[in-house]
């Protein structure tokens, strides 16, 4: 199983909203029981995961593999830094909405320093200055305000999510600084580059999952839910027994080339 949730940046807000609504309708029709308390729609989710993985295997993974082989590691790192820097701006907004003062200031200074002194974010000067990244989004902000995550939900093309994160996704898309690029072909090219770069960063993790002798769907679900819970700081809201046995939520780094 490959990490199909990495396909989220590829979709436009309008398409993403339509897909999310269709997923909710389909999920409402799923009635098969699930052993996991946060996955009552497991039958539907497994089917959608297989669909997403088939699309990934046919299209995205080959492109990401070619990108990794053709582009030097230093250049790929700069691309990743650039998009991560844009994410720091939205993290600043959400950390502020969550009243996380220290995290908000860190996100603010990270974005300012990397944008000004890091060639628009290509160089991660802030990390060298030991300014920690505190990645947040509007789904986690809703969690901070007391909105429960709701059931686990796999969206068409967008991949793993929850009901809360699905409802928050249109707001997150509005906070994406790439929307400020007026030239549509340039904006779409940046979206595509971000998608390919992100997928390339997870090629090794996907290979490890493919070769693992376990239920890959359950593993991916449990890691996703645990990582989201840890970022929200609300571990008490989920049953962590399966996730504790599966992994700590971290992914292996891409090897140097």
C-alpha atoms as a PDB file:
ATOM      1  CA  UNK A   1       0.000   0.000   0.000  1.00  0.00           C
ATOM      2  CA  UNK A   2       1.340   3.389  -0.944  1.00  0.00           C
ATOM      3  CA  UNK A   3       0.516   6.589   0.990  1.00  0.00           C
ATOM      4  CA  UNK A   4      -2.459   7.742  -1.065  1.00  0.00           C
ATOM      5  CA  UNK A   5      -3.179  10.602   1.323  1.00  0.00           C
ATOM      6  CA  UNK A   6      -0.300  12.401  -0.393  1.00  0.00           C
ATOM      7  CA  UNK A   7      -2.622  13.069  -3.306  1.00  0.00           C
ATOM      8  CA  UNK A   8      -4.449  15.811  -1.381  1.00  0.00           C
ATOM      9  CA  UNK A   9      -2.439  18.748  -2.772  1.00  0.00           C
ATOM     10  CA  UNK A  10      -3.287  17.755  -6.352  1.00  0.00           C
ATOM     11  CA  UNK A  11      -7.007  18.467  -6.208  1.00  0.00           C
ATOM     12  CA  UNK A  12      -8.640  21.846  -6.635  1.00  0.00           C
ATOM     13  CA  UNK A  13     -10.842  23.150  -3.772  1.00  0.00           C
ATOM     14  CA  UNK A  14     -14.008  22.691  -5.816  1.00  0.00           C
ATOM     15  CA  UNK A  15     -13.100  19.141  -6.809  1.00  0.00           C
ATOM     16  CA  UNK A  16     -11.976  18.331  -3.301  1.00  0.00           C
ATOM     17  CA  UNK A  17     -15.239  19.544  -1.796  1.00  0.00           C
ATOM     18  CA  UNK A  18     -17.257  17.519  -4.288  1.00  0.00           C
ATOM     19  CA  UNK A  19     -15.206  14.413  -3.622  1.00  0.00           C
ATOM     20  CA  UNK A  20     -15.487  14.896   0.118  1.00  0.00           C
ATOM     21  CA  UNK A  21     -19.268  15.215  -0.059  1.00  0.00           C
ATOM     22  CA  UNK A  22     -19.534  12.153  -2.272  1.00  0.00           C
ATOM     23  CA  UNK A  23     -17.372  10.213   0.155  1.00  0.00           C
ATOM     24  CA  UNK A  24     -19.605  11.185   3.043  1.00  0.00           C
ATOM     25  CA  UNK A  25     -22.656   9.993   1.129  1.00  0.00           C
ATOM     26  CA  UNK A  26     -20.997   6.697   0.250  1.00  0.00           C
ATOM     27  CA  UNK A  27     -19.714   6.258   3.781  1.00  0.00           C
ATOM     28  CA  UNK A  28     -23.224   6.735   5.092  1.00  0.00           C
ATOM     29  CA  UNK A  29     -24.253   3.728   3.043  1.00  0.00           C
ATOM     30  CA  UNK A  30     -21.576   1.489   4.518  1.00  0.00           C
ATOM     31  CA  UNK A  31     -22.953  -0.753   7.209  1.00  0.00           C
ATOM     32  CA  UNK A  32     -20.345  -3.478   7.656  1.00  0.00           C
ATOM     33  CA  UNK A  33     -19.158  -3.686  11.274  1.00  0.00           C
ATOM     34  CA  UNK A  34     -15.580  -2.716  12.135  1.00  0.00           C
ATOM     35  CA  UNK A  35     -13.400  -3.864  15.008  1.00  0.00           C
ATOM     36  CA  UNK A  36     -11.862  -0.399  15.235  1.00  0.00           C
ATOM     37  CA  UNK A  37     -14.007   2.125  17.152  1.00  0.00           C
ATOM     38  CA  UNK A  38     -13.024   4.999  14.852  1.00  0.00           C
ATOM     39  CA  UNK A  39     -13.537   3.077  11.612  1.00  0.00           C
ATOM     40  CA  UNK A  40     -17.238   2.205  11.324  1.00  0.00           C
ATOM     41  CA  UNK A  41     -17.018   2.582   7.530  1.00  0.00           C
ATOM     42  CA  UNK A  42     -14.175   0.085   7.134  1.00  0.00           C
ATOM     43  CA  UNK A  43     -15.728  -1.792   4.223  1.00  0.00           C
ATOM     44  CA  UNK A  44     -16.086   1.400   2.181  1.00  0.00           C
ATOM     45  CA  UNK A  45     -12.700   2.726   3.330  1.00  0.00           C
ATOM     46  CA  UNK A  46     -10.877  -0.413   2.255  1.00  0.00           C
ATOM     47  CA  UNK A  47     -12.486  -0.285  -1.194  1.00  0.00           C
ATOM     48  CA  UNK A  48     -11.583   3.385  -1.600  1.00  0.00           C
ATOM     49  CA  UNK A  49      -8.022   2.711  -0.417  1.00  0.00           C
ATOM     50  CA  UNK A  50      -7.649   0.045  -3.115  1.00  0.00           C
ATOM     51  CA  UNK A  51      -8.909   2.513  -5.725  1.00  0.00           C
ATOM     52  CA  UNK A  52      -6.530   5.248  -4.544  1.00  0.00           C
ATOM     53  CA  UNK A  53      -3.604   2.844  -4.468  1.00  0.00           C
ATOM     54  CA  UNK A  54      -4.354   1.681  -8.005  1.00  0.00           C
ATOM     55  CA  UNK A  55      -4.321   5.294  -9.227  1.00  0.00           C
ATOM     56  CA  UNK A  56      -1.120   5.952  -7.317  1.00  0.00           C
ATOM     57  CA  UNK A  57       0.556   2.835  -8.703  1.00  0.00           C
ATOM     58  CA  UNK A  58      -0.424   3.677 -12.274  1.00  0.00           C
ATOM     59  CA  UNK A  59       0.305   7.404 -12.303  1.00  0.00           C
ATOM     60  CA  UNK A  60       1.845   9.094  -9.311  1.00  0.00           C
ATOM     61  CA  UNK A  61       4.437   6.579  -8.154  1.00  0.00           C
ATOM     62  CA  UNK A  62       6.129   6.235 -11.572  1.00  0.00           C
ATOM     63  CA  UNK A  63       6.295  10.016 -11.954  1.00  0.00           C
ATOM     64  CA  UNK A  64       7.697  10.438  -8.437  1.00  0.00           C
ATOM     65  CA  UNK A  65      10.270   7.717  -9.084  1.00  0.00           C
ATOM     66  CA  UNK A  66      11.402   9.430 -12.273  1.00  0.00           C
ATOM     67  CA  UNK A  67      11.561  12.770 -10.455  1.00  0.00           C
ATOM     68  CA  UNK A  68      13.732  11.301  -7.723  1.00  0.00           C
ATOM     69  CA  UNK A  69      16.083   9.696 -10.215  1.00  0.00           C
ATOM     70  CA  UNK A  70      16.367  12.741 -12.499  1.00  0.00           C
ATOM     71  CA  UNK A  71      16.580  15.592  -9.982  1.00  0.00           C
ATOM     72  CA  UNK A  72      19.610  15.904  -7.666  1.00  0.00           C
ATOM     73  CA  UNK A  73      18.958  15.423  -3.970  1.00  0.00           C
ATOM     74  CA  UNK A  74      20.024  18.983  -3.146  1.00  0.00           C
ATOM     75  CA  UNK A  75      17.503  20.428  -5.597  1.00  0.00           C
ATOM     76  CA  UNK A  76      14.731  18.165  -4.297  1.00  0.00           C
ATOM     77  CA  UNK A  77      15.488  19.270  -0.766  1.00  0.00           C
ATOM     78  CA  UNK A  78      15.155  22.894  -1.855  1.00  0.00           C
ATOM     79  CA  UNK A  79      11.760  22.159  -3.425  1.00  0.00           C
ATOM     80  CA  UNK A  80      10.585  20.443  -0.236  1.00  0.00           C
ATOM     81  CA  UNK A  81      11.844  23.362   1.862  1.00  0.00           C
ATOM     82  CA  UNK A  82       9.978  25.839  -0.349  1.00  0.00           C
ATOM     83  CA  UNK A  83       6.606  24.154   0.085  1.00  0.00           C
ATOM     84  CA  UNK A  84       7.189  23.503   3.784  1.00  0.00           C
ATOM     85  CA  UNK A  85       7.874  27.204   4.217  1.00  0.00           C
ATOM     86  CA  UNK A  86       4.511  28.057   2.657  1.00  0.00           C
ATOM     87  CA  UNK A  87       2.942  25.650   5.152  1.00  0.00           C
ATOM     88  CA  UNK A  88       4.547  27.534   8.039  1.00  0.00           C
ATOM     89  CA  UNK A  89       2.454  30.587   7.153  1.00  0.00           C
ATOM     90  CA  UNK A  90      -0.815  28.642   7.521  1.00  0.00           C
ATOM     91  CA  UNK A  91       0.532  26.944  10.642  1.00  0.00           C
ATOM     92  CA  UNK A  92       1.062  30.406  12.138  1.00  0.00           C
ATOM     93  CA  UNK A  93      -2.616  31.219  11.559  1.00  0.00           C
ATOM     94  CA  UNK A  94      -3.819  27.975  13.113  1.00  0.00           C
ATOM     95  CA  UNK A  95      -1.414  28.086  16.051  1.00  0.00           C
ATOM     96  CA  UNK A  96      -2.705  31.601  16.739  1.00  0.00           C
ATOM     97  CA  UNK A  97      -6.331  30.428  16.572  1.00  0.00           C
ATOM     98  CA  UNK A  98      -5.430  27.660  19.022  1.00  0.00           C
ATOM     99  CA  UNK A  99      -3.830  30.117  21.448  1.00  0.00           C
ATOM    100  CA  UNK A 100      -0.476  28.359  21.144  1.00  0.00           C
ATOM    101  CA  UNK A 101       1.626  31.471  21.567  1.00  0.00           C
ATOM    102  CA  UNK A 102       5.089  29.951  21.461  1.00  0.00           C
ATOM    103  CA  UNK A 103       4.257  27.753  18.479  1.00  0.00           C
ATOM    104  CA  UNK A 104       2.659  30.688  16.658  1.00  0.00           C
ATOM    105  CA  UNK A 105       5.750  32.861  17.165  1.00  0.00           C
ATOM    106  CA  UNK A 106       7.996  30.038  15.990  1.00  0.00           C
ATOM    107  CA  UNK A 107       5.900  29.577  12.820  1.00  0.00           C
ATOM    108  CA  UNK A 108       5.886  33.338  12.223  1.00  0.00           C
ATOM    109  CA  UNK A 109       9.640  33.741  12.520  1.00  0.00           C
ATOM    110  CA  UNK A 110      10.303  30.547  10.564  1.00  0.00           C
ATOM    111  CA  UNK A 111       8.308  31.872   7.629  1.00  0.00           C
ATOM    112  CA  UNK A 112       9.846  35.343   7.798  1.00  0.00           C
ATOM    113  CA  UNK A 113      13.438  34.185   8.157  1.00  0.00           C
ATOM    114  CA  UNK A 114      13.263  31.499   5.487  1.00  0.00           C
ATOM    115  CA  UNK A 115      11.421  33.754   3.056  1.00  0.00           C
ATOM    116  CA  UNK A 116      13.837  36.679   3.427  1.00  0.00           C
ATOM    117  CA  UNK A 117      17.155  34.958   4.077  1.00  0.00           C
ATOM    118  CA  UNK A 118      16.431  31.508   2.635  1.00  0.00           C
ATOM    119  CA  UNK A 119      15.760  32.528  -0.973  1.00  0.00           C
ATOM    120  CA  UNK A 120      12.007  32.367  -0.618  1.00  0.00           C
ATOM    121  CA  UNK A 121      12.159  29.261   1.552  1.00  0.00           C
ATOM    122  CA  UNK A 122      14.456  27.162  -0.621  1.00  0.00           C
ATOM    123  CA  UNK A 123      16.988  27.198   2.213  1.00  0.00           C
ATOM    124  CA  UNK A 124      15.773  26.217   5.680  1.00  0.00           C
ATOM    125  CA  UNK A 125      17.729  28.780   7.686  1.00  0.00           C
ATOM    126  CA  UNK A 126      15.195  28.675  10.544  1.00  0.00           C
ATOM    127  CA  UNK A 127      15.894  25.035  11.330  1.00  0.00           C
ATOM    128  CA  UNK A 128      19.593  25.777  11.486  1.00  0.00           C
ATOM    129  CA  UNK A 129      18.676  28.475  14.016  1.00  0.00           C
ATOM    130  CA  UNK A 130      16.819  25.774  15.993  1.00  0.00           C
ATOM    131  CA  UNK A 131      13.392  27.259  15.409  1.00  0.00           C
ATOM    132  CA  UNK A 132      11.089  24.256  15.663  1.00  0.00           C
ATOM    133  CA  UNK A 133       8.351  23.649  13.109  1.00  0.00           C
ATOM    134  CA  UNK A 134       4.840  23.358  14.613  1.00  0.00           C
ATOM    135  CA  UNK A 135       2.685  22.104  11.749  1.00  0.00           C
ATOM    136  CA  UNK A 136      -1.027  22.772  12.215  1.00  0.00           C
ATOM    137  CA  UNK A 137      -4.137  22.978  10.044  1.00  0.00           C
ATOM    138  CA  UNK A 138      -7.770  23.946  10.483  1.00  0.00           C
ATOM    139  CA  UNK A 139      -8.865  20.389  11.273  1.00  0.00           C
ATOM    140  CA  UNK A 140      -6.543  20.429  14.277  1.00  0.00           C
ATOM    141  CA  UNK A 141      -7.805  23.890  15.175  1.00  0.00           C
ATOM    142  CA  UNK A 142     -11.355  22.539  15.277  1.00  0.00           C
ATOM    143  CA  UNK A 143     -10.054  19.772  17.530  1.00  0.00           C
ATOM    144  CA  UNK A 144      -8.530  22.377  19.830  1.00  0.00           C
ATOM    145  CA  UNK A 145     -11.939  24.024  20.019  1.00  0.00           C
ATOM    146  CA  UNK A 146     -13.486  20.747  21.133  1.00  0.00           C
ATOM    147  CA  UNK A 147     -14.804  19.337  17.855  1.00  0.00           C
ATOM    148  CA  UNK A 148     -14.320  15.539  17.919  1.00  0.00           C
ATOM    149  CA  UNK A 149     -12.512  13.940  14.968  1.00  0.00           C
ATOM    150  CA  UNK A 150     -15.405  11.710  14.029  1.00  0.00           C
ATOM    151  CA  UNK A 151     -14.994   8.466  12.086  1.00  0.00           C
ATOM    152  CA  UNK A 152     -12.004   7.659   9.946  1.00  0.00           C
ATOM    153  CA  UNK A 153     -12.791   8.306   6.296  1.00  0.00           C
ATOM    154  CA  UNK A 154     -10.840   7.567   3.106  1.00  0.00           C
ATOM    155  CA  UNK A 155     -11.656  10.117   0.408  1.00  0.00           C
ATOM    156  CA  UNK A 156     -11.469   9.534  -3.346  1.00  0.00           C
ATOM    157  CA  UNK A 157      -7.986  10.605  -4.507  1.00  0.00           C
ATOM    158  CA  UNK A 158      -7.467  12.650  -1.328  1.00  0.00           C
ATOM    159  CA  UNK A 159      -6.862   9.597   0.846  1.00  0.00           C
ATOM    160  CA  UNK A 160      -7.062   9.137   4.653  1.00  0.00           C
ATOM    161  CA  UNK A 161      -8.987  11.720   6.623  1.00  0.00           C
ATOM    162  CA  UNK A 162     -11.644  12.017   9.303  1.00  0.00           C
ATOM    163  CA  UNK A 163     -15.083  13.585   9.138  1.00  0.00           C
ATOM    164  CA  UNK A 164     -13.768  16.663  10.984  1.00  0.00           C
ATOM    165  CA  UNK A 165     -10.736  17.023   8.708  1.00  0.00           C
ATOM    166  CA  UNK A 166     -12.922  16.569   5.637  1.00  0.00           C
ATOM    167  CA  UNK A 167     -15.163  19.442   6.707  1.00  0.00           C
ATOM    168  CA  UNK A 168     -12.087  21.569   7.488  1.00  0.00           C
ATOM    169  CA  UNK A 169     -10.325  20.843   4.201  1.00  0.00           C
ATOM    170  CA  UNK A 170     -12.000  23.643   2.161  1.00  0.00           C
ATOM    171  CA  UNK A 171     -10.784  26.153   4.779  1.00  0.00           C
ATOM    172  CA  UNK A 172      -7.272  24.718   4.612  1.00  0.00           C
ATOM    173  CA  UNK A 173      -7.319  25.039   0.826  1.00  0.00           C
ATOM    174  CA  UNK A 174      -8.128  28.737   1.188  1.00  0.00           C
ATOM    175  CA  UNK A 175      -5.102  29.139   3.448  1.00  0.00           C
ATOM    176  CA  UNK A 176      -2.750  27.719   0.828  1.00  0.00           C
ATOM    177  CA  UNK A 177      -0.511  30.556  -0.399  1.00  0.00           C
ATOM    178  CA  UNK A 178      -0.305  28.934  -3.831  1.00  0.00           C
ATOM    179  CA  UNK A 179      -3.842  30.195  -4.405  1.00  0.00           C
ATOM    180  CA  UNK A 180      -2.326  33.670  -4.592  1.00  0.00           C
ATOM    181  CA  UNK A 181      -0.530  32.826  -7.840  1.00  0.00           C
ATOM    182  CA  UNK A 182      -2.644  34.565 -10.474  1.00  0.00           C
ATOM    183  CA  UNK A 183      -1.287  32.770 -13.523  1.00  0.00           C
ATOM    184  CA  UNK A 184      -3.308  29.558 -13.695  1.00  0.00           C
ATOM    185  CA  UNK A 185      -0.753  27.426 -15.602  1.00  0.00           C
ATOM    186  CA  UNK A 186       1.979  28.468 -13.161  1.00  0.00           C
ATOM    187  CA  UNK A 187      -0.253  27.730 -10.184  1.00  0.00           C
ATOM    188  CA  UNK A 188      -1.195  24.308 -11.510  1.00  0.00           C
ATOM    189  CA  UNK A 189       2.458  23.550 -12.200  1.00  0.00           C
ATOM    190  CA  UNK A 190       3.323  24.393  -8.596  1.00  0.00           C
ATOM    191  CA  UNK A 191       0.512  22.159  -7.333  1.00  0.00           C
ATOM    192  CA  UNK A 192       1.791  19.318  -9.491  1.00  0.00           C
ATOM    193  CA  UNK A 193       5.384  19.858  -8.373  1.00  0.00           C
ATOM    194  CA  UNK A 194       4.357  19.817  -4.729  1.00  0.00           C
ATOM    195  CA  UNK A 195       2.443  16.593  -5.228  1.00  0.00           C
ATOM    196  CA  UNK A 196       5.294  14.837  -7.017  1.00  0.00           C
ATOM    197  CA  UNK A 197       7.903  16.066  -4.539  1.00  0.00           C
ATOM    198  CA  UNK A 198       5.824  14.961  -1.564  1.00  0.00           C
ATOM    199  CA  UNK A 199       5.194  11.546  -3.101  1.00  0.00           C
ATOM    200  CA  UNK A 200       8.891  11.154  -3.885  1.00  0.00           C
ATOM    201  CA  UNK A 201       9.747  11.799  -0.240  1.00  0.00           C
ATOM    202  CA  UNK A 202       7.605   8.804   0.725  1.00  0.00           C
ATOM    203  CA  UNK A 203       8.853   6.309  -1.834  1.00  0.00           C
ATOM    204  CA  UNK A 204      10.999   4.477   0.709  1.00  0.00           C
ATOM    205  CA  UNK A 205       8.167   4.358   3.248  1.00  0.00           C
ATOM    206  CA  UNK A 206       5.861   2.938   0.579  1.00  0.00           C
ATOM    207  CA  UNK A 207       8.378   0.226  -0.275  1.00  0.00           C
ATOM    208  CA  UNK A 208       8.613  -0.749   3.398  1.00  0.00           C
ATOM    209  CA  UNK A 209       4.834  -0.992   3.634  1.00  0.00           C
ATOM    210  CA  UNK A 210       4.656  -3.030   0.446  1.00  0.00           C
ATOM    211  CA  UNK A 211       7.144  -5.532   1.833  1.00  0.00           C
ATOM    212  CA  UNK A 212       5.689  -5.758   5.319  1.00  0.00           C
ATOM    213  CA  UNK A 213       3.791  -8.878   6.390  1.00  0.00           C
ATOM    214  CA  UNK A 214       0.845  -7.089   7.983  1.00  0.00           C
ATOM    215  CA  UNK A 215      -2.556  -5.613   7.227  1.00  0.00           C
ATOM    216  CA  UNK A 216      -1.363  -2.513   5.410  1.00  0.00           C
ATOM    217  CA  UNK A 217      -4.759  -0.816   5.535  1.00  0.00           C
ATOM    218  CA  UNK A 218      -4.971  -1.138   9.324  1.00  0.00           C
ATOM    219  CA  UNK A 219      -1.363  -0.048   9.749  1.00  0.00           C
ATOM    220  CA  UNK A 220      -1.852   3.082   7.640  1.00  0.00           C
ATOM    221  CA  UNK A 221      -5.121   3.911   9.393  1.00  0.00           C
ATOM    222  CA  UNK A 222      -3.676   3.529  12.887  1.00  0.00           C
ATOM    223  CA  UNK A 223      -0.571   5.583  12.112  1.00  0.00           C
ATOM    224  CA  UNK A 224      -2.655   8.318  10.488  1.00  0.00           C
ATOM    225  CA  UNK A 225      -5.043   8.552  13.440  1.00  0.00           C
ATOM    226  CA  UNK A 226      -2.255   8.556  15.971  1.00  0.00           C
ATOM    227  CA  UNK A 227      -0.234  11.236  14.192  1.00  0.00           C
ATOM    228  CA  UNK A 228      -3.322  13.445  13.947  1.00  0.00           C
ATOM    229  CA  UNK A 229      -4.084  12.881  17.615  1.00  0.00           C
ATOM    230  CA  UNK A 230      -0.529  13.692  18.666  1.00  0.00           C
ATOM    231  CA  UNK A 231      -0.515  16.909  16.659  1.00  0.00           C
ATOM    232  CA  UNK A 232      -3.810  17.966  18.190  1.00  0.00           C
ATOM    233  CA  UNK A 233      -2.614  17.111  21.686  1.00  0.00           C
ATOM    234  CA  UNK A 234      -5.789  15.113  22.328  1.00  0.00           C
ATOM    235  CA  UNK A 235      -4.492  11.546  22.634  1.00  0.00           C
ATOM    236  CA  UNK A 236      -7.247  10.843  25.152  1.00  0.00           C
ATOM    237  CA  UNK A 237      -9.853  11.059  22.357  1.00  0.00           C
ATOM    238  CA  UNK A 238      -8.779   7.873  20.590  1.00  0.00           C
ATOM    239  CA  UNK A 239      -8.207   4.224  21.271  1.00  0.00           C
ATOM    240  CA  UNK A 240      -4.429   4.002  20.894  1.00  0.00           C
ATOM    241  CA  UNK A 241      -3.901   0.300  21.595  1.00  0.00           C
ATOM    242  CA  UNK A 242      -3.552  -0.709  17.941  1.00  0.00           C
ATOM    243  CA  UNK A 243      -1.475   2.339  17.056  1.00  0.00           C
ATOM    244  CA  UNK A 244       0.872   1.732  20.006  1.00  0.00           C
ATOM    245  CA  UNK A 245       1.609  -1.728  18.655  1.00  0.00           C
ATOM    246  CA  UNK A 246       1.955  -0.556  15.040  1.00  0.00           C
ATOM    247  CA  UNK A 247       4.321   2.411  15.132  1.00  0.00           C
ATOM    248  CA  UNK A 248       5.152   5.695  16.769  1.00  0.00           C
ATOM    249  CA  UNK A 249       3.831   7.652  13.804  1.00  0.00           C
ATOM    250  CA  UNK A 250       7.223   8.522  12.367  1.00  0.00           C
ATOM    251  CA  UNK A 251       8.307   7.738   8.838  1.00  0.00           C
ATOM    252  CA  UNK A 252      11.840   6.823   7.782  1.00  0.00           C
ATOM    253  CA  UNK A 253      13.858   9.589   6.131  1.00  0.00           C
ATOM    254  CA  UNK A 254      14.735   9.379   2.476  1.00  0.00           C
ATOM    255  CA  UNK A 255      18.288   8.139   2.042  1.00  0.00           C
ATOM    256  CA  UNK A 256      20.957  10.549   0.841  1.00  0.00           C
ATOM    257  CA  UNK A 257      21.963  10.131  -2.793  1.00  0.00           C
END
